[in-house]
Amino acid sequence: MQSLLSISETAKFLNISTSSLYRLTSRKQIPYIKIGARVVFKVGAIESWLEERSINPGGDGV
């Protein structure tokens, strides 16, 4: 099973504020799990989410 991170741990991991992270979750823009009233994040899902949003320069360098 993958490790789970809390809101504060995930915000620290992403280097964003907890309010920004709450905003992303309320807009369903980031993968998360609700356990009762608690919101947690799978490390692997967050890493995949970041990879999907990576911008890699393409082309021939012109």
PDB file of N, CA and C in Angstrom:
ATOM      1  N   MET A   1       0.845  -1.196   0.000  1.00  0.00           N
ATOM      2  CA  MET A   1       0.000   0.000   0.000  1.00  0.00           C
ATOM      3  C   MET A   1       0.883   1.249   0.000  1.00  0.00           C
ATOM      4  N   GLN A   2       0.461   2.236  -0.755  1.00  0.00           N
ATOM      5  CA  GLN A   2       1.223   3.479  -0.845  1.00  0.00           C
ATOM      6  C   GLN A   2       1.061   4.293   0.435  1.00  0.00           C
ATOM      7  N   SER A   3       2.058   5.111   0.695  1.00  0.00           N
ATOM      8  CA  SER A   3       1.997   6.008   1.849  1.00  0.00           C
ATOM      9  C   SER A   3       0.944   7.078   1.620  1.00  0.00           C
ATOM     10  N   LEU A   4       0.306   7.484   2.706  1.00  0.00           N
ATOM     11  CA  LEU A   4      -0.683   8.549   2.650  1.00  0.00           C
ATOM     12  C   LEU A   4      -0.132   9.787   3.332  1.00  0.00           C
ATOM     13  N   LEU A   5      -0.422  10.933   2.746  1.00  0.00           N
ATOM     14  CA  LEU A   5       0.020  12.210   3.300  1.00  0.00           C
ATOM     15  C   LEU A   5      -1.194  13.019   3.743  1.00  0.00           C
ATOM     16  N   SER A   6      -1.020  13.782   4.795  1.00  0.00           N
ATOM     17  CA  SER A   6      -2.064  14.691   5.260  1.00  0.00           C
ATOM     18  C   SER A   6      -2.070  15.946   4.384  1.00  0.00           C
ATOM     19  N   ILE A   7      -3.018  16.827   4.652  1.00  0.00           N
ATOM     20  CA  ILE A   7      -3.075  18.112   3.938  1.00  0.00           C
ATOM     21  C   ILE A   7      -1.764  18.878   4.142  1.00  0.00           C
ATOM     22  N   SER A   8      -1.326  19.003   5.383  1.00  0.00           N
ATOM     23  CA  SER A   8      -0.118  19.802   5.640  1.00  0.00           C
ATOM     24  C   SER A   8       1.130  19.159   5.041  1.00  0.00           C
ATOM     25  N   GLU A   9       1.221  17.830   5.109  1.00  0.00           N
ATOM     26  CA  GLU A   9       2.373  17.142   4.520  1.00  0.00           C
ATOM     27  C   GLU A   9       2.386  17.300   2.997  1.00  0.00           C
ATOM     28  N   THR A  10       1.216  17.202   2.378  1.00  0.00           N
ATOM     29  CA  THR A  10       1.126  17.340   0.922  1.00  0.00           C
ATOM     30  C   THR A  10       1.441  18.766   0.490  1.00  0.00           C
ATOM     31  N   ALA A  11       0.942  19.737   1.238  1.00  0.00           N
ATOM     32  CA  ALA A  11       1.235  21.144   0.929  1.00  0.00           C
ATOM     33  C   ALA A  11       2.740  21.395   1.007  1.00  0.00           C
ATOM     34  N   LYS A  12       3.373  20.828   2.017  1.00  0.00           N
ATOM     35  CA  LYS A  12       4.822  20.967   2.161  1.00  0.00           C
ATOM     36  C   LYS A  12       5.539  20.294   0.989  1.00  0.00           C
ATOM     37  N   PHE A  13       5.085  19.094   0.625  1.00  0.00           N
ATOM     38  CA  PHE A  13       5.669  18.336  -0.489  1.00  0.00           C
ATOM     39  C   PHE A  13       5.578  19.125  -1.795  1.00  0.00           C
ATOM     40  N   LEU A  14       4.446  19.813  -2.009  1.00  0.00           N
ATOM     41  CA  LEU A  14       4.228  20.580  -3.236  1.00  0.00           C
ATOM     42  C   LEU A  14       4.744  22.015  -3.137  1.00  0.00           C
ATOM     43  N   ASN A  15       5.173  22.410  -1.936  1.00  0.00           N
ATOM     44  CA  ASN A  15       5.645  23.771  -1.696  1.00  0.00           C
ATOM     45  C   ASN A  15       4.564  24.808  -1.991  1.00  0.00           C
ATOM     46  N   ILE A  16       3.338  24.521  -1.509  1.00  0.00           N
ATOM     47  CA  ILE A  16       2.217  25.456  -1.640  1.00  0.00           C
ATOM     48  C   ILE A  16       1.565  25.596  -0.265  1.00  0.00           C
ATOM     49  N   SER A  17       0.707  26.571  -0.117  1.00  0.00           N
ATOM     50  CA  SER A  17       0.016  26.763   1.159  1.00  0.00           C
ATOM     51  C   SER A  17      -1.105  25.731   1.306  1.00  0.00           C
ATOM     52  N   THR A  18      -1.512  25.498   2.538  1.00  0.00           N
ATOM     53  CA  THR A  18      -2.614  24.556   2.764  1.00  0.00           C
ATOM     54  C   THR A  18      -3.905  25.088   2.147  1.00  0.00           C
ATOM     55  N   SER A  19      -4.102  26.411   2.160  1.00  0.00           N
ATOM     56  CA  SER A  19      -5.317  26.970   1.558  1.00  0.00           C
ATOM     57  C   SER A  19      -5.338  26.735   0.041  1.00  0.00           C
ATOM     58  N   SER A  20      -4.169  26.806  -0.600  1.00  0.00           N
ATOM     59  CA  SER A  20      -4.094  26.500  -2.036  1.00  0.00           C
ATOM     60  C   SER A  20      -4.439  25.040  -2.289  1.00  0.00           C
ATOM     61  N   LEU A  21      -3.957  24.168  -1.408  1.00  0.00           N
ATOM     62  CA  LEU A  21      -4.248  22.743  -1.560  1.00  0.00           C
ATOM     63  C   LEU A  21      -5.732  22.459  -1.336  1.00  0.00           C
ATOM     64  N   TYR A  22      -6.329  23.096  -0.330  1.00  0.00           N
ATOM     65  CA  TYR A  22      -7.775  22.951  -0.118  1.00  0.00           C
ATOM     66  C   TYR A  22      -8.552  23.426  -1.343  1.00  0.00           C
ATOM     67  N   ARG A  23      -8.081  24.505  -1.964  1.00  0.00           N
ATOM     68  CA  ARG A  23      -8.739  25.020  -3.173  1.00  0.00           C
ATOM     69  C   ARG A  23      -8.669  23.989  -4.300  1.00  0.00           C
ATOM     70  N   LEU A  24      -7.495  23.368  -4.481  1.00  0.00           N
ATOM     71  CA  LEU A  24      -7.348  22.337  -5.516  1.00  0.00           C
ATOM     72  C   LEU A  24      -8.279  21.153  -5.255  1.00  0.00           C
ATOM     73  N   THR A  25      -8.402  20.758  -3.989  1.00  0.00           N
ATOM     74  CA  THR A  25      -9.284  19.617  -3.674  1.00  0.00           C
ATOM     75  C   THR A  25     -10.747  19.995  -3.874  1.00  0.00           C
ATOM     76  N   SER A  26     -11.143  21.183  -3.473  1.00  0.00           N
ATOM     77  CA  SER A  26     -12.552  21.580  -3.618  1.00  0.00           C
ATOM     78  C   SER A  26     -12.953  21.687  -5.086  1.00  0.00           C
ATOM     79  N   ARG A  27     -11.982  21.992  -5.945  1.00  0.00           N
ATOM     80  CA  ARG A  27     -12.247  22.067  -7.391  1.00  0.00           C
ATOM     81  C   ARG A  27     -11.992  20.725  -8.088  1.00  0.00           C
ATOM     82  N   LYS A  28     -11.611  19.711  -7.284  1.00  0.00           N
ATOM     83  CA  LYS A  28     -11.311  18.364  -7.797  1.00  0.00           C
ATOM     84  C   LYS A  28     -10.234  18.396  -8.881  1.00  0.00           C
ATOM     85  N   GLN A  29      -9.203  19.215  -8.636  1.00  0.00           N
ATOM     86  CA  GLN A  29      -8.103  19.369  -9.579  1.00  0.00           C
ATOM     87  C   GLN A  29      -6.879  18.556  -9.188  1.00  0.00           C
ATOM     88  N   ILE A  30      -6.958  17.863  -8.054  1.00  0.00           N
ATOM     89  CA  ILE A  30      -5.842  17.062  -7.565  1.00  0.00           C
ATOM     90  C   ILE A  30      -6.426  15.772  -6.987  1.00  0.00           C
ATOM     91  N   PRO A  31      -5.758  14.641  -7.183  1.00  0.00           N
ATOM     92  CA  PRO A  31      -6.302  13.387  -6.655  1.00  0.00           C
ATOM     93  C   PRO A  31      -6.190  13.324  -5.125  1.00  0.00           C
ATOM     94  N   TYR A  32      -7.300  12.972  -4.480  1.00  0.00           N
ATOM     95  CA  TYR A  32      -7.302  12.852  -3.026  1.00  0.00           C
ATOM     96  C   TYR A  32      -8.299  11.791  -2.594  1.00  0.00           C
ATOM     97  N   ILE A  33      -8.221  11.412  -1.325  1.00  0.00           N
ATOM     98  CA  ILE A  33      -9.114  10.416  -0.744  1.00  0.00           C
ATOM     99  C   ILE A  33      -9.756  11.046   0.487  1.00  0.00           C
ATOM    100  N   LYS A  34     -11.061  10.865   0.632  1.00  0.00           N
ATOM    101  CA  LYS A  34     -11.746  11.313   1.843  1.00  0.00           C
ATOM    102  C   LYS A  34     -11.988  10.107   2.723  1.00  0.00           C
ATOM    103  N   ILE A  35     -11.547  10.190   3.948  1.00  0.00           N
ATOM    104  CA  ILE A  35     -11.810   9.157   4.944  1.00  0.00           C
ATOM    105  C   ILE A  35     -12.586   9.862   6.054  1.00  0.00           C
ATOM    106  N   GLY A  36     -13.897   9.718   6.011  1.00  0.00           N
ATOM    107  CA  GLY A  36     -14.744  10.501   6.917  1.00  0.00           C
ATOM    108  C   GLY A  36     -14.606  11.965   6.540  1.00  0.00           C
ATOM    109  N   ALA A  37     -14.231  12.776   7.520  1.00  0.00           N
ATOM    110  CA  ALA A  37     -14.024  14.202   7.256  1.00  0.00           C
ATOM    111  C   ALA A  37     -12.572  14.500   6.879  1.00  0.00           C
ATOM    112  N   ARG A  38     -11.713  13.479   6.963  1.00  0.00           N
ATOM    113  CA  ARG A  38     -10.277  13.671   6.719  1.00  0.00           C
ATOM    114  C   ARG A  38      -9.948  13.532   5.234  1.00  0.00           C
ATOM    115  N   VAL A  39      -9.075  14.401   4.748  1.00  0.00           N
ATOM    116  CA  VAL A  39      -8.600  14.351   3.366  1.00  0.00           C
ATOM    117  C   VAL A  39      -7.140  13.906   3.397  1.00  0.00           C
ATOM    118  N   VAL A  40      -6.822  12.870   2.608  1.00  0.00           N
ATOM    119  CA  VAL A  40      -5.449  12.376   2.520  1.00  0.00           C
ATOM    120  C   VAL A  40      -5.078  12.197   1.050  1.00  0.00           C
ATOM    121  N   PHE A  41      -3.794  12.050   0.801  1.00  0.00           N
ATOM    122  CA  PHE A  41      -3.265  11.963  -0.551  1.00  0.00           C
ATOM    123  C   PHE A  41      -2.298  10.802  -0.653  1.00  0.00           C
ATOM    124  N   LYS A  42      -2.396  10.011  -1.731  1.00  0.00           N
ATOM    125  CA  LYS A  42      -1.428   8.952  -1.998  1.00  0.00           C
ATOM    126  C   LYS A  42      -0.202   9.584  -2.639  1.00  0.00           C
ATOM    127  N   VAL A  43       0.962   9.251  -2.116  1.00  0.00           N
ATOM    128  CA  VAL A  43       2.210   9.811  -2.637  1.00  0.00           C
ATOM    129  C   VAL A  43       2.332   9.528  -4.135  1.00  0.00           C
ATOM    130  N   GLY A  44       2.091   8.290  -4.546  1.00  0.00           N
ATOM    131  CA  GLY A  44       2.210   7.916  -5.955  1.00  0.00           C
ATOM    132  C   GLY A  44       1.266   8.687  -6.850  1.00  0.00           C
ATOM    133  N   ALA A  45       0.047   8.913  -6.373  1.00  0.00           N
ATOM    134  CA  ALA A  45      -0.935   9.665  -7.163  1.00  0.00           C
ATOM    135  C   ALA A  45      -0.505  11.116  -7.321  1.00  0.00           C
ATOM    136  N   ILE A  46       0.062  11.686  -6.278  1.00  0.00           N
ATOM    137  CA  ILE A  46       0.536  13.080  -6.354  1.00  0.00           C
ATOM    138  C   ILE A  46       1.731  13.176  -7.299  1.00  0.00           C
ATOM    139  N   GLU A  47       2.636  12.203  -7.229  1.00  0.00           N
ATOM    140  CA  GLU A  47       3.785  12.210  -8.140  1.00  0.00           C
ATOM    141  C   GLU A  47       3.329  12.061  -9.594  1.00  0.00           C
ATOM    142  N   SER A  48       2.354  11.209  -9.850  1.00  0.00           N
ATOM    143  CA  SER A  48       1.810  11.047 -11.212  1.00  0.00           C
ATOM    144  C   SER A  48       1.130  12.328 -11.674  1.00  0.00           C
ATOM    145  N   TRP A  49       0.377  12.941 -10.778  1.00  0.00           N
ATOM    146  CA  TRP A  49      -0.309  14.192 -11.080  1.00  0.00           C
ATOM    147  C   TRP A  49       0.700  15.267 -11.475  1.00  0.00           C
ATOM    148  N   LEU A  50       1.814  15.328 -10.756  1.00  0.00           N
ATOM    149  CA  LEU A  50       2.869  16.293 -11.095  1.00  0.00           C
ATOM    150  C   LEU A  50       3.478  15.990 -12.460  1.00  0.00           C
ATOM    151  N   GLU A  51       3.743  14.713 -12.733  1.00  0.00           N
ATOM    152  CA  GLU A  51       4.314  14.309 -14.025  1.00  0.00           C
ATOM    153  C   GLU A  51       3.396  14.705 -15.175  1.00  0.00           C
ATOM    154  N   GLU A  52       2.090  14.510 -14.995  1.00  0.00           N
ATOM    155  CA  GLU A  52       1.123  14.858 -16.038  1.00  0.00           C
ATOM    156  C   GLU A  52       1.140  16.346 -16.337  1.00  0.00           C
ATOM    157  N   ARG A  53       1.509  17.147 -15.352  1.00  0.00           N
ATOM    158  CA  ARG A  53       1.513  18.597 -15.513  1.00  0.00           C
ATOM    159  C   ARG A  53       2.876  19.156 -15.868  1.00  0.00           C
ATOM    160  N   SER A  54       3.869  18.302 -15.991  1.00  0.00           N
ATOM    161  CA  SER A  54       5.205  18.760 -16.362  1.00  0.00           C
ATOM    162  C   SER A  54       5.196  19.279 -17.793  1.00  0.00           C
ATOM    163  N   ILE A  55       5.880  20.365 -17.987  1.00  0.00           N
ATOM    164  CA  ILE A  55       6.013  20.933 -19.325  1.00  0.00           C
ATOM    165  C   ILE A  55       7.424  20.669 -19.780  1.00  0.00           C
ATOM    166  N   ASN A  56       7.538  19.845 -20.806  1.00  0.00           N
ATOM    167  CA  ASN A  56       8.843  19.493 -21.349  1.00  0.00           C
ATOM    168  C   ASN A  56       9.019  20.179 -22.689  1.00  0.00           C
ATOM    169  N   PRO A  57      10.018  21.019 -22.793  1.00  0.00           N
ATOM    170  CA  PRO A  57      10.226  21.698 -24.062  1.00  0.00           C
ATOM    171  C   PRO A  57      10.496  20.687 -25.176  1.00  0.00           C
ATOM    172  N   GLY A  58       9.837  20.881 -26.268  1.00  0.00           N
ATOM    173  CA  GLY A  58      10.031  19.972 -27.404  1.00  0.00           C
ATOM    174  C   GLY A  58      10.621  20.726 -28.584  1.00  0.00           C
ATOM    175  N   GLY A  59      10.586  20.094 -29.700  1.00  0.00           N
ATOM    176  CA  GLY A  59      11.078  20.746 -30.909  1.00  0.00           C
ATOM    177  C   GLY A  59      12.578  20.591 -31.080  1.00  0.00           C
ATOM    178  N   ASP A  60      13.104  21.386 -31.975  1.00  0.00           N
ATOM    179  CA  ASP A  60      14.522  21.259 -32.327  1.00  0.00           C
ATOM    180  C   ASP A  60      15.396  22.330 -31.654  1.00  0.00           C
ATOM    181  N   GLY A  61      14.825  23.008 -30.666  1.00  0.00           N
ATOM    182  CA  GLY A  61      15.622  23.992 -29.928  1.00  0.00           C
ATOM    183  C   GLY A  61      15.694  25.346 -30.598  1.00  0.00           C
ATOM    184  N   VAL A  62      14.876  25.567 -31.616  1.00  0.00           N
ATOM    185  CA  VAL A  62      14.884  26.839 -32.326  1.00  0.00           C
ATOM    186  C   VAL A  62      14.018  27.829 -31.621  1.00  0.00           C
TER     187      VAL A  62
END
